[in-house]
Every structure is written in C-alpha cells, then in structure tokens.
Protein backbone atom coordinates (compact mmCIF):
# COMPACT_ATOMS: atom_id res chain seq x y z
CA MET A 1 0.02 7.23 74.86
CA PHE A 2 -2.59 6.29 72.60
CA GLU A 3 -5.36 6.75 74.95
CA GLY A 4 -8.59 8.37 72.96
CA SER A 5 -8.07 9.94 70.07
CA GLY A 6 -5.30 11.76 71.07
CA SER A 7 -3.13 9.86 68.73
CA SER A 8 -3.66 11.87 65.74
CA VAL A 9 -2.81 15.21 67.88
CA LEU A 10 0.69 13.49 69.06
CA ASP A 11 3.95 16.28 68.35
CA PHE A 12 5.70 13.12 66.32
CA GLN A 13 7.95 16.17 64.93
CA ALA A 14 9.14 17.38 68.08
CA MET A 15 10.18 13.46 69.64
CA SER A 16 13.11 11.31 69.36
CA ASP A 17 14.16 8.57 67.43
CA GLU A 18 13.85 6.57 70.35
CA GLY A 19 10.51 8.30 71.06
CA LEU A 20 8.61 7.60 67.79
CA ILE A 21 9.82 3.74 67.50
CA GLU A 22 8.57 3.18 71.11
CA ALA A 23 5.15 4.97 70.12
CA LEU A 24 4.85 2.47 66.87
CA ARG A 25 4.96 -0.47 69.67
CA THR A 26 3.06 0.70 71.79
CA ALA A 27 0.39 1.87 68.40
CA HIS A 28 0.78 -1.60 66.81
CA GLY A 29 0.19 -3.32 70.58
CA ALA A 30 -3.04 -1.40 70.82
CA SER A 31 -3.68 -2.38 66.82
CA ALA A 32 -3.35 -5.90 68.22
CA ALA A 33 -5.70 -5.52 71.37
CA ALA A 34 -8.09 -4.08 69.21
CA GLN A 35 -8.46 -7.01 66.73
CA ALA A 36 -8.05 -9.62 69.11
CA ALA A 37 -11.41 -7.57 70.98
CA GLU A 38 -12.84 -7.95 67.38
CA VAL A 39 -12.29 -11.89 67.05
CA PHE A 40 -13.78 -12.55 70.91
CA ALA A 41 -16.54 -10.52 70.49
CA VAL A 42 -17.17 -12.36 66.92
CA ARG A 43 -16.73 -15.71 68.29
CA GLU A 44 -19.04 -14.65 71.33
CA LEU A 45 -21.63 -13.69 69.34
CA TYR A 46 -21.76 -16.59 67.23
CA ARG A 47 -22.10 -18.69 70.66
CA ARG A 48 -24.93 -16.99 71.02
CA HIS A 49 -27.01 -17.45 68.48
CA ARG A 50 -25.44 -21.43 67.82
CA ALA A 51 -27.13 -21.96 71.29
CA ALA A 52 -30.49 -20.60 70.14
CA SER A 53 -30.75 -20.48 66.87
CA ALA A 54 -30.84 -24.58 65.98
CA GLU A 55 -33.24 -25.75 64.00
CA PRO A 56 -32.96 -29.27 62.12
CA GLY A 57 -34.35 -30.55 58.88
CA PRO A 58 -35.28 -28.83 55.61
CA GLY A 59 -36.21 -25.07 56.74
CA GLY A 60 -34.57 -24.76 59.23
CA VAL A 61 -32.19 -22.59 61.08
CA ARG A 62 -28.74 -24.21 60.92
CA ALA A 63 -26.85 -23.72 63.62
CA GLY A 64 -25.18 -20.53 64.46
CA GLU A 65 -25.03 -19.68 60.75
CA PHE A 66 -26.38 -16.33 60.38
CA ALA A 67 -24.10 -15.09 63.41
CA ALA A 68 -21.80 -13.69 60.07
CA THR A 69 -23.58 -12.66 58.23
CA GLU A 70 -24.88 -9.85 61.31
CA ALA A 71 -21.59 -9.55 62.19
CA ALA A 72 -19.99 -8.41 58.61
CA LEU A 73 -22.32 -5.89 58.26
CA ALA A 74 -21.82 -4.47 61.33
CA LEU A 75 -17.86 -4.03 60.18
CA GLN A 76 -18.72 -3.66 56.97
CA VAL A 77 -16.35 -6.42 55.46
CA ASP A 78 -17.38 -10.02 53.81
CA GLU A 79 -19.03 -12.29 55.28
CA GLY A 80 -15.78 -14.10 54.83
CA SER A 81 -13.98 -12.34 56.92
CA ALA A 82 -16.18 -12.50 59.69
CA ALA A 83 -16.09 -16.19 59.40
CA ALA A 84 -12.45 -16.20 59.48
CA MET A 85 -13.28 -14.43 62.90
CA ILE A 86 -15.05 -16.63 64.42
CA ASP A 87 -12.77 -19.35 63.27
CA VAL A 88 -9.70 -17.93 64.73
CA GLY A 89 -11.77 -17.66 67.89
CA LEU A 90 -12.85 -20.70 68.18
CA ALA A 91 -9.20 -21.76 67.54
CA LEU A 92 -7.82 -19.92 70.69
CA GLU A 93 -10.45 -21.21 72.61
CA ASP A 94 -10.25 -25.28 71.44
CA TRP A 95 -6.35 -25.60 72.00
CA LEU A 96 -4.23 -22.40 72.31
CA PRO A 97 -5.22 -20.98 75.55
CA ARG A 98 -1.43 -18.88 75.49
CA THR A 99 -1.93 -17.85 72.07
CA ARG A 100 -5.17 -16.50 73.30
CA ALA A 101 -3.58 -15.01 75.91
CA GLU A 102 -0.90 -12.34 73.90
CA PHE A 103 -3.36 -12.04 71.63
CA ALA A 104 -5.67 -10.19 74.23
CA ALA A 105 -3.00 -8.17 75.26
CA GLY A 106 -1.51 -7.15 71.92
CA ARG A 107 1.59 -8.75 72.35
CA ILE A 108 1.22 -10.52 68.97
CA ASP A 109 -0.71 -9.31 66.32
CA LEU A 110 -3.62 -11.09 64.25
CA ALA A 111 -0.94 -12.27 61.22
CA LYS A 112 1.21 -14.07 63.58
CA VAL A 113 -1.98 -15.73 65.34
CA ARG A 114 -3.46 -16.73 61.81
CA VAL A 115 0.16 -18.33 61.53
CA ILE A 116 0.25 -19.78 64.92
CA ILE A 117 -3.75 -21.47 64.42
CA ASP A 118 -2.15 -22.63 60.26
CA SER A 119 1.02 -24.32 62.19
CA THR A 120 -0.96 -26.36 64.61
CA ARG A 121 -4.11 -27.13 63.98
CA ALA A 122 -2.97 -31.01 62.85
CA VAL A 123 -0.19 -31.22 65.05
CA ALA A 124 -1.05 -33.99 67.87
CA ARG A 125 -2.41 -32.77 70.47
CA ASP A 126 -0.12 -34.70 73.24
CA VAL A 127 2.65 -32.16 71.95
CA LEU A 128 1.21 -28.70 71.50
CA GLY A 129 2.22 -28.10 75.39
CA GLU A 130 5.55 -27.59 74.15
CA LEU A 131 4.92 -26.71 70.60
CA GLU A 132 3.09 -23.30 71.54
CA PRO A 133 5.75 -21.65 74.14
CA ARG A 134 8.04 -22.07 71.23
CA LEU A 135 5.96 -20.73 68.72
CA LEU A 136 5.34 -17.73 71.40
CA GLU A 137 8.18 -16.69 72.06
CA THR A 138 10.34 -16.69 68.47
CA ALA A 139 6.37 -14.48 67.39
CA GLY A 140 7.64 -11.53 69.67
CA ARG A 141 11.08 -11.63 68.07
CA THR A 142 10.45 -12.26 64.10
CA THR A 143 7.72 -12.00 60.98
CA PRO A 144 4.99 -14.10 59.84
CA VAL A 145 6.87 -15.43 57.25
CA ARG A 146 9.22 -16.85 59.61
CA LEU A 147 7.47 -17.53 62.20
CA ARG A 148 5.88 -20.12 59.33
CA GLN A 149 8.73 -21.66 59.09
CA ALA A 150 10.31 -21.74 62.42
CA ALA A 151 6.95 -23.56 63.51
CA ARG A 152 7.34 -26.16 60.26
CA ARG A 153 10.40 -27.07 60.94
CA TRP A 154 9.35 -27.33 64.97
CA ALA A 155 5.99 -29.67 64.18
CA ALA A 156 8.78 -32.70 62.35
CA ARG A 157 10.84 -32.24 65.17
CA LEU A 158 8.14 -32.87 68.16
CA ASP A 159 5.73 -34.19 66.26
CA PRO A 160 7.74 -36.51 63.38
CA GLY A 161 5.04 -39.00 62.71
CA GLY A 162 2.34 -36.65 61.93
CA ALA A 163 3.45 -36.00 58.41
CA GLN A 164 0.66 -37.69 57.03
CA ARG A 165 -1.81 -37.02 58.99
CA ARG A 166 -1.22 -33.50 58.26
CA ARG A 167 -0.92 -33.63 54.63
CA GLU A 168 -4.29 -34.92 54.38
CA ARG A 169 -5.60 -32.70 56.64
CA ARG A 170 -4.24 -29.58 54.21
CA GLN A 171 -6.01 -31.35 50.71
CA ASP A 172 -9.25 -31.16 52.53
CA ASP A 173 -8.20 -26.97 52.32
CA ARG A 174 -8.01 -27.10 48.37
CA ASP A 175 -9.84 -24.67 46.66
CA VAL A 176 -9.55 -22.19 43.28
CA ARG A 177 -10.58 -18.50 44.14
CA ILE A 178 -11.39 -15.07 42.52
CA ARG A 179 -10.15 -11.09 43.74
CA THR A 180 -11.26 -8.36 41.73
CA LEU A 181 -8.23 -6.52 40.86
CA GLN A 182 -8.41 -2.27 38.70
CA ASP A 183 -8.77 -1.85 35.71
CA SER A 184 -10.75 -4.99 34.39
CA MET A 185 -8.34 -7.55 35.55
CA ALA A 186 -8.80 -10.34 38.52
CA VAL A 187 -6.83 -12.14 40.72
CA PHE A 188 -7.07 -16.62 39.86
CA ASP A 189 -5.49 -17.99 42.49
CA GLY A 190 -5.37 -21.54 44.06
CA VAL A 191 -4.72 -24.09 46.70
CA LEU A 192 -4.33 -27.76 45.51
CA PRO A 193 -2.79 -30.94 46.49
CA ALA A 194 1.37 -30.20 44.37
CA PRO A 195 0.64 -32.82 42.12
CA GLY A 196 -2.25 -31.76 40.47
CA ALA A 197 -0.71 -28.46 40.90
CA GLN A 198 2.25 -29.20 39.11
CA THR A 199 -0.09 -31.40 36.32
CA VAL A 200 -1.22 -27.42 36.21
CA ALA A 201 1.76 -25.40 35.62
CA MET A 202 2.97 -28.49 33.58
CA ARG A 203 -0.12 -28.47 30.89
CA LEU A 204 -0.23 -24.38 31.30
CA ARG A 205 3.43 -24.51 29.73
CA GLU A 206 3.18 -27.19 27.47
CA MET A 207 0.76 -24.78 25.72
CA SER A 208 2.76 -21.62 26.44
CA VAL A 209 5.42 -23.32 23.40
CA GLN A 210 3.31 -24.40 21.48
CA VAL A 211 3.40 -20.89 19.52
CA CYS A 212 5.80 -19.52 17.06
CA ALA A 213 8.81 -17.56 18.06
CA ALA A 214 7.17 -14.40 16.74
CA ASP A 215 4.68 -14.42 18.93
CA PRO A 216 5.01 -10.64 21.30
CA ARG A 217 3.51 -12.29 25.18
CA THR A 218 5.32 -12.88 27.14
CA MET A 219 5.59 -16.33 29.11
CA PRO A 220 4.03 -14.54 32.41
CA GLN A 221 0.97 -13.45 29.58
CA ARG A 222 1.28 -16.64 27.35
CA ARG A 223 0.53 -19.00 31.10
CA ALA A 224 -2.90 -16.80 31.35
CA ASP A 225 -4.11 -17.14 28.09
CA ALA A 226 -3.49 -20.93 28.49
CA LEU A 227 -5.60 -21.36 31.56
CA VAL A 228 -8.44 -19.29 29.58
CA ALA A 229 -7.85 -21.31 26.57
CA LEU A 230 -8.67 -24.76 29.30
CA ALA A 231 -11.79 -22.90 30.41
CA ASP A 232 -13.27 -21.92 26.52
CA GLY A 233 -12.83 -25.79 25.15
CA SER A 234 -10.21 -24.37 22.84
CA GLY A 235 -7.01 -26.53 24.72
CA ARG A 236 -5.06 -24.73 22.20
CA LEU A 237 -3.18 -21.52 22.27
CA ARG A 238 -3.35 -19.22 19.71
CA CYS A 239 -0.48 -17.96 18.27
CA GLY A 240 -0.06 -14.08 18.40
CA CYS A 241 2.18 -13.22 15.56
CA GLY A 242 -0.78 -11.92 13.74
CA ARG A 243 0.28 -14.00 10.76
CA GLY A 244 -2.43 -15.92 10.12
CA ALA A 245 -2.91 -19.51 8.15
CA ARG A 246 1.46 -18.37 7.57
CA CYS A 247 2.24 -18.54 10.98
CA PRO A 248 4.19 -22.04 11.16
CA LYS A 249 2.73 -23.40 14.34
CA ALA A 250 -0.93 -22.45 12.87
CA GLU A 251 -2.60 -25.62 13.63
CA ALA A 252 -6.53 -25.19 14.26
CA ALA A 253 -7.52 -24.71 17.75
CA GLY A 254 -10.75 -26.24 19.01
CA ASP A 255 -14.05 -24.42 18.65
CA ALA A 256 -14.20 -21.91 21.54
CA ARG A 257 -17.65 -21.89 23.86
CA ARG A 258 -19.34 -18.63 24.04
CA PRO A 259 -18.45 -18.13 27.84
CA LEU A 260 -20.63 -18.31 31.61
CA ILE A 261 -20.26 -14.05 31.68
CA GLN A 262 -23.10 -11.18 31.57
CA ILE A 263 -22.70 -7.99 30.83
CA GLY A 264 -24.78 -5.15 30.77
CA ILE A 265 -23.82 -2.32 28.56
CA PRO A 266 -26.23 1.09 27.34
CA ALA A 267 -27.94 1.16 24.43
CA ASP A 268 -25.71 4.01 23.10
CA SER A 269 -22.10 3.01 24.95
CA LEU A 270 -22.68 -0.06 22.64
CA LEU A 271 -22.97 1.48 19.81
CA GLY A 272 -20.04 3.53 20.51
CA MET A 273 -22.01 6.53 20.64
CA GLN A 274 -20.74 7.31 24.36
CA ASP A 275 -18.76 5.65 26.77
CA ALA A 276 -20.65 4.79 30.01
CA PRO A 277 -19.15 2.00 31.94
CA ALA A 278 -20.40 -1.10 31.29
CA PHE A 279 -21.20 -4.08 34.20
CA LEU A 280 -19.73 -7.43 34.37
CA ALA A 281 -22.07 -9.64 36.81
CA GLY A 282 -20.07 -10.35 39.42
CA TYR A 283 -16.95 -8.17 39.33
CA GLY A 284 -18.11 -4.71 38.68
CA PRO A 285 -17.94 -1.66 36.09
CA ILE A 286 -15.55 -2.24 33.25
CA ASP A 287 -14.58 0.09 30.47
CA ALA A 288 -16.95 0.39 27.43
CA GLY A 289 -14.44 -0.62 24.92
CA LEU A 290 -13.26 -3.30 26.40
CA ALA A 291 -17.78 -4.50 26.64
CA ARG A 292 -17.12 -3.82 22.89
CA MET A 293 -14.37 -6.39 22.38
CA LEU A 294 -16.45 -8.91 23.62
CA ALA A 295 -19.97 -7.80 22.42
CA GLU A 296 -18.32 -8.95 19.08
CA ASN A 297 -19.04 -13.18 20.28
CA ALA A 298 -21.73 -12.38 22.63
CA ARG A 299 -25.59 -13.17 22.32
CA PHE A 300 -27.44 -10.32 23.36
CA GLN A 301 -30.66 -9.46 25.39
CA VAL A 302 -32.07 -6.97 25.32
CA ILE A 303 -33.70 -5.15 29.05
CA PRO A 304 -36.36 -2.62 27.97
CA GLU A 305 -36.02 0.50 30.66
CA GLN A 306 -40.45 -0.11 30.69
CA SER A 307 -41.41 -3.81 30.03
CA ASP A 308 -44.53 -5.64 30.09
CA ALA A 309 -43.22 -7.84 32.66
CA ASP A 310 -43.28 -4.46 34.42
CA GLU A 311 -47.19 -5.39 34.33
CA PRO A 312 -48.78 -9.32 35.78
CA VAL A 313 -50.35 -11.54 33.68
CA ASP A 314 -54.31 -11.18 32.81
CA GLN A 315 -55.59 -14.49 34.58
CA ASP A 316 -57.47 -14.79 31.75
CA GLN A 317 -54.98 -14.65 29.60
CA VAL A 318 -53.18 -17.54 31.66
CA ALA A 319 -56.22 -19.41 31.38
CA ARG A 320 -56.80 -19.16 27.67
CA ALA A 321 -52.46 -20.04 27.01
CA GLN A 322 -49.89 -21.74 29.04
CA ALA A 323 -47.28 -20.23 26.69
CA ALA A 324 -48.01 -16.82 27.86
CA ARG A 325 -47.59 -17.67 31.33
CA LEU A 326 -44.15 -19.59 30.48
CA GLU A 327 -43.40 -16.26 28.21
CA HIS A 328 -44.56 -14.08 31.00
CA ALA A 329 -41.68 -16.03 33.76
CA ALA A 330 -38.89 -16.32 31.04
CA ARG A 331 -39.31 -12.46 30.58
CA LEU A 332 -39.19 -11.98 33.72
CA ASP A 333 -36.21 -13.61 34.64
CA ARG A 334 -34.45 -11.96 32.39
CA GLU A 335 -35.04 -9.15 32.85
CA VAL A 336 -34.38 -9.15 36.75
CA ARG A 337 -31.54 -10.72 36.22
CA ALA A 338 -30.40 -7.72 34.24
CA LEU A 339 -30.77 -5.14 36.36
CA ASP A 340 -30.17 -6.36 39.92
CA GLY A 341 -27.36 -7.65 38.18
CA MET A 342 -26.00 -9.54 41.29
CA CYS A 343 -27.55 -10.51 44.78
CA ARG A 344 -29.36 -7.65 46.30
CA PHE A 345 -28.29 -8.05 50.14
CA PRO A 346 -25.31 -5.92 51.18
CA GLY A 347 -22.24 -6.23 50.62
CA CYS A 348 -23.16 -9.30 48.68
CA THR A 349 -21.31 -9.56 44.60
CA MET A 350 -22.95 -12.52 43.67
CA PRO A 351 -23.19 -12.45 40.02
CA ALA A 352 -27.38 -12.17 38.96
CA ALA A 353 -26.47 -15.96 36.67
CA GLU A 354 -25.70 -17.36 40.10
CA SER A 355 -28.01 -16.53 41.74
CA GLU A 356 -32.22 -17.72 42.32
CA LEU A 357 -35.10 -15.23 42.35
CA ASP A 358 -37.29 -14.03 45.29
CA GLN A 359 -40.46 -13.66 43.72
CA ARG A 360 -44.32 -11.99 45.36
CA GLU A 361 -47.92 -11.23 43.47
CA PRO A 362 -48.47 -10.56 41.12
CA GLY A 363 -45.25 -11.07 39.97
CA THR A 364 -43.88 -7.77 38.28
CA ARG A 365 -40.65 -6.38 37.75
CA ALA A 366 -40.68 -4.19 40.61
CA ASP A 367 -41.69 -7.35 42.85
CA VAL A 368 -39.02 -9.31 42.70
CA THR A 369 -35.96 -10.04 43.27
CA VAL A 370 -32.32 -11.62 43.36
CA LEU A 371 -30.81 -13.57 45.48
CA CYS A 372 -27.90 -15.74 46.04
CA PRO A 373 -28.30 -19.00 47.29
CA ARG A 374 -27.46 -18.08 51.03
CA HIS A 375 -29.04 -14.54 51.32
CA HIS A 376 -31.89 -16.14 49.33
CA ARG A 377 -32.23 -18.90 52.26
CA LEU A 378 -32.04 -16.04 55.51
CA LYS A 379 -35.10 -14.03 53.32
CA ALA A 380 -37.23 -16.76 53.37
CA LEU A 381 -36.41 -17.85 57.00
CA ALA A 382 -37.08 -13.85 58.24
CA ASP A 383 -40.17 -14.59 56.28
CA ASN A 384 -41.61 -17.29 58.39
CA ARG A 385 -40.02 -15.31 61.37
CA LYS A 386 -37.37 -18.29 61.83
CA VAL A 387 -34.51 -15.87 62.52
CA PRO A 388 -35.14 -12.21 63.65
CA TRP A 389 -34.14 -9.78 60.28
CA GLU A 390 -36.75 -8.35 58.04
CA ALA A 391 -36.49 -7.89 54.40
CA TRP A 392 -38.63 -5.59 52.67
CA LEU A 393 -38.96 -3.75 49.20
CA ALA A 394 -39.33 0.15 50.14
CA ASP A 395 -39.99 0.67 46.55
CA PRO A 396 -39.40 -0.91 42.99
CA ASP A 397 -35.35 -0.31 43.61
CA ARG A 398 -34.79 -0.34 46.75
CA LEU A 399 -34.72 -3.13 49.31
CA GLN A 400 -34.79 -2.67 52.99
CA TRP A 401 -32.90 -5.07 55.27
CA THR A 402 -32.83 -4.96 59.16
CA THR A 403 -30.59 -7.26 61.26
CA PRO A 404 -31.86 -8.87 64.62
CA THR A 405 -29.79 -5.59 66.70
CA GLY A 406 -32.05 -2.86 64.68
CA ASP A 407 -29.50 -1.72 61.51
CA MET A 408 -31.30 -1.28 58.42
CA HIS A 409 -29.36 -1.38 55.20
CA THR A 410 -31.30 -0.85 51.55
CA THR A 411 -29.62 -1.93 48.27
CA SER A 412 -30.71 -0.83 44.79
CA ARG A 413 -30.76 -2.65 41.38
CA GLU A 414 -26.72 -2.44 40.64
CA GLY A 415 -27.61 -3.41 36.78
CA ALA A 416 -29.75 -0.53 36.16
CA ARG A 417 -26.82 1.50 37.09
CA TYR A 418 -25.27 0.73 33.84
CA LEU A 419 -28.24 -0.54 31.87
CA PHE A 420 -30.46 3.07 32.54
CA PRO A 421 -27.22 5.57 33.30
CA HIS A 422 -29.84 8.84 33.88
CA LYS A 423 -31.04 6.75 35.98
CA ASP A 424 -28.66 7.02 38.94
CA ILE A 425 -29.14 9.22 41.21
CA ASP A 426 -25.98 8.97 42.85
CA ALA A 427 -23.77 9.03 40.04
CA PRO A 428 -20.83 11.33 40.08
CA THR A 429 -21.08 14.34 37.73
CA SER A 430 -18.77 13.28 34.48
CA ARG A 431 -16.67 15.63 33.31
CA GLY A 432 -14.84 16.11 29.38
CA ASP A 433 -11.20 15.35 31.04
CA SER A 434 -10.72 12.36 32.94
CA PRO A 435 -7.52 12.22 35.62
CA PRO A 436 -5.16 9.46 34.86
CA GLN A 437 -5.73 6.21 36.46
CA THR A 438 -2.49 4.70 38.25
CA GLU A 439 -1.50 1.42 37.65
CA PRO A 440 -2.62 -1.10 40.27
CA ALA A 441 -0.22 -3.44 42.05
CA ARG A 442 0.40 -6.81 41.00
CA ASP A 443 -1.42 -8.88 43.53
CA ALA A 444 -3.68 -7.11 45.51
CA PRO A 445 -2.34 -6.79 49.40
CA ASP A 446 -4.01 -8.36 51.73
CA ASP A 447 -6.50 -5.64 53.98
CA LEU A 448 -4.57 -4.63 56.88
CA ALA A 449 -7.09 -4.39 59.24
CA TYR A 450 -8.17 -7.65 58.19
CA PRO A 451 -5.31 -9.90 57.10
CA PHE A 452 -7.15 -13.19 56.39
CA ARG A 453 -6.41 -13.55 52.24
CA GLY A 454 -5.35 -17.21 52.07
CA HIS A 455 -7.01 -18.41 55.71
CA THR A 456 -8.60 -21.71 55.99
CA LEU A 457 -10.94 -22.18 58.04
CA VAL A 458 -10.41 -24.49 61.00
CA HIS A 459 -14.40 -25.70 61.60
CA ARG A 460 -15.66 -27.21 58.91
CA HIS A 461 -19.32 -26.02 59.73
CA LEU A 462 -18.14 -22.43 58.55
CA CYS A 463 -17.12 -23.35 55.18
CA ARG A 464 -21.18 -22.02 54.31
CA ILE A 465 -20.70 -18.96 55.64
CA ALA A 466 -19.28 -17.27 52.69
CA PRO A 467 -21.88 -16.63 49.30
CA GLU A 468 -19.84 -18.57 46.82
CA ASP A 469 -19.23 -21.48 49.45
CA GLU A 470 -23.03 -22.13 49.65
CA ILE A 471 -24.47 -25.04 48.75
CA PRO A 472 -28.29 -24.87 47.72
CA ASP A 473 -30.56 -27.12 49.75
CA ASP A 474 -31.79 -28.87 46.44
CA THR A 475 -28.23 -29.44 45.09
CA THR A 476 -30.82 -31.17 41.99
CA ALA A 477 -31.83 -27.88 40.38
CA PRO A 478 -29.65 -26.40 38.21
CA VAL A 479 -28.20 -23.11 39.75
CA VAL A 480 -26.26 -20.99 37.13
CA ASN A 481 -28.87 -19.52 34.44
CA THR A 482 -27.06 -20.10 31.48
CA ALA A 483 -30.03 -18.46 29.62
CA TYR A 484 -29.62 -14.25 30.80
C-alpha cells in the first residue's frame, strides 16, 4: 500500500473506516521495519569499527568508539541515541533472536523492542526460552506500558531467585540528566536507587514546608526551588511572602554560592538598550530580561569584538617577562570559550566551561577552538592519522569536519552569534511585532522516530559515547573551567 512515496498522495478521504484502520496498521508496520533497518545498519557499522580500529594503550583508539559519532552525523541525531541503537542491535543479536526477527518484519516497533530488552537484561538465560515467546505474543496485542507490567510479573514468576540480581544490575543504571524545554526552562530528572530517591524526595518536602502560609508558590514550585537551594549551598528555601524580616519563618538561610553557569549577552542588551537574546552555555538562547536578572549577582568578563588575543605573543616579550605569556594565555582561554560557547563538533552541546581548548601555533583567537573531551580526543586521533576523520579550520569562524565516508559538516562560533549579533549572518530579520509564543508542554515528549529517552545501556563499553559521559583521559586535571 505504501510502496515508494505513494503514501503521501493516497486518497484517505475516499477510504472507509476499515480501510483507514488497515492503512494505519500498514504504515506502522512499515515504520517499524524501517526502524529495524536503521538499528541493524548502525550495529553493523559498530561491529566493523570495533574489529578494525582497536589500538590499546594511552592515545590509542578504543574499539568501535566513534561508530556512533559517524552514525549520529548521518542521521542528524545525538550520539546518545546512536549509542542506544547500537545497544539495541547488540542485545537482539546476543540473546533475543525471536524478537530480532519480529522487529525486522515490522510486527513490533522500537518502543516494544526496548521494553523486551529492558525486561530480559538481568533474567537468567535458562528462562529466556520460555519468557521471550510470552512477551512477543503480548507485544502484538497491547501497549508498551502494559507489556512492561506483564514482563515484570512473568520475570518474577519464572525467575523468582533473580530479584536481588536484577536489583543490583539495575542500580548500575543510576544517572542524572538535563533536557532542555522552550522558554528558558529545562527538565532535571534522574534514576536513583529507591532509598536514595526517597531520601531526596523527603528532604525536598521538608524544605518546602519551612516557609510561611503566605508564600504564594505551589508545592511543585517549592520543591523545584528547594532543589536549587540544595545545590547552591544555601540549604534552606527562602520564603516568598515578600515580608522580609517580618515573616514568621524568616530564619537566615546560608549564603548561596555563585552558580557555575556562563551567559553571553551583548553589552547593549545588558544595559537595557535592546533585547537581543543571551546565550546560556549548555542550554541555548534565553531572553534578555532573564539574563539581566541573573547578572545582578554575577561576575563579569568583557569579551571584545577585536582583542589583543587576536595577535600572537611577541617571543622577545615572552623572553623578557613570563607574566606576559601567562596573561596572554588566560585572556585567550577566556575569550575563546566565550566566543565558541560550546563544543565545536556538529550537534554537540557541551558547554565551553566543561570543554578543552584545541590550540595551534601561533595561538591567536583564530587558531583555537573549544572541544569537549570526547571530540577533542577524536580530533587528536584524526590529526595523528589514527582514525579516518579530518578536522580543520576553514577560516577563523568555521571548523570543517569530514567523516570517514566523506560527509562534510561545518560548525561556527555559537557564542559569538549572541555576543555580536550584528555579525550573525544567519539571523532572521527582526520585526517590530513578535508572534505570540505557544506554551510548551510541561514535559518534552520522546522523539517519535528515535524513542530512546530513558534508555539504559546494557553493554557497558558503550557508556562513554555520549559527550557528557566521557571521562577525560587525564582524570587528575580539572575539566570545569570556573574562571570563565
């Protein structure tokens, strides 16, 4: 029914209700089969990389480590999703052959495949022969949520002695993640052992009731503010009643530490002369009003459009004064991090403060780029011809990447777009009347094409693929640059 591109021109209005339902089933099956093809292709790419690229030891290539990077660029998804696809493909190949066949035929989709993998990962292999057919039969007639419930029940019945083993395996999946939403908001969630999660929940609850009855915030809002109070060191939720010292719950909270966040904003927006957006590293654009509010307790670094850091250090001057070299290096570090804003690998959003500098001689702003530890490692290996990637500066603002298959991708200095908006050639023409913004959903939905939110990796050797999960090779050196 949906061969080629004909599905877009089918006359759905002429179909009967039965015909529409059948069209839905056919389209969903084709989509599931396409998902399977992507998973198997990425898994095979990883298998080939793993067989060909291993070079143990310091400075060597970890087996298959950049297969997900190459796949992510091809699909224009994040590396975590590509790693999850590899993980699913390996699991299907390792212990779920029936599920693999059903997935390839389009009879179950990726969401249900993930449930089956997640439900069988810690089950004794001798019961899989009985459990997998039951799960597949149920998957054909129910939703992923109900499938997960059934899987838990059957796993407990067929492998009752494995409860402790499953709990211990699951505790290895503990994690905390941040996902961006619209309008300067983000989702902060995590996977914790139940006692630890309950400890956090009860502490937030305790802090939320330490304000007076006139505090206008809802309980969810208080919990969110209490979490920030825990992180900033104040340790107590300040009352929002607005009565100051007359508040009956006006006990002194601890001094909040300066948050380790970096914001780039044009000088005229900071002064209120215009409202060009600011750049929150690791998040993206925020409105000028929020940036000005945060600036009230901020430490400032002026980043000029033209700088002495654009010129190499005079070597005779260096010979006369070591202090001149150190001053130039500090200024170069500060300004390049602000101009780049984030890692310069395509699609990577690691903040510049948590990244490293990749520097060439003579060491001007045009010669230095910011790369997160994972992609800095990729570029170093590429420069040494240990992986078939290429990376070079096409000009002072554009970093060019070429994948092993010849695809080319270009990144520019994201922070500079916000610090100097008049130089942002990609910016749309501003209009006096901005269209009203729609209210975002309270929680960002999972990607329909790549539903991997919350996926926990079965294969531990994949756990360093996402840039935020990379552990720098030199673990003694601080990663976060708090001076920026």
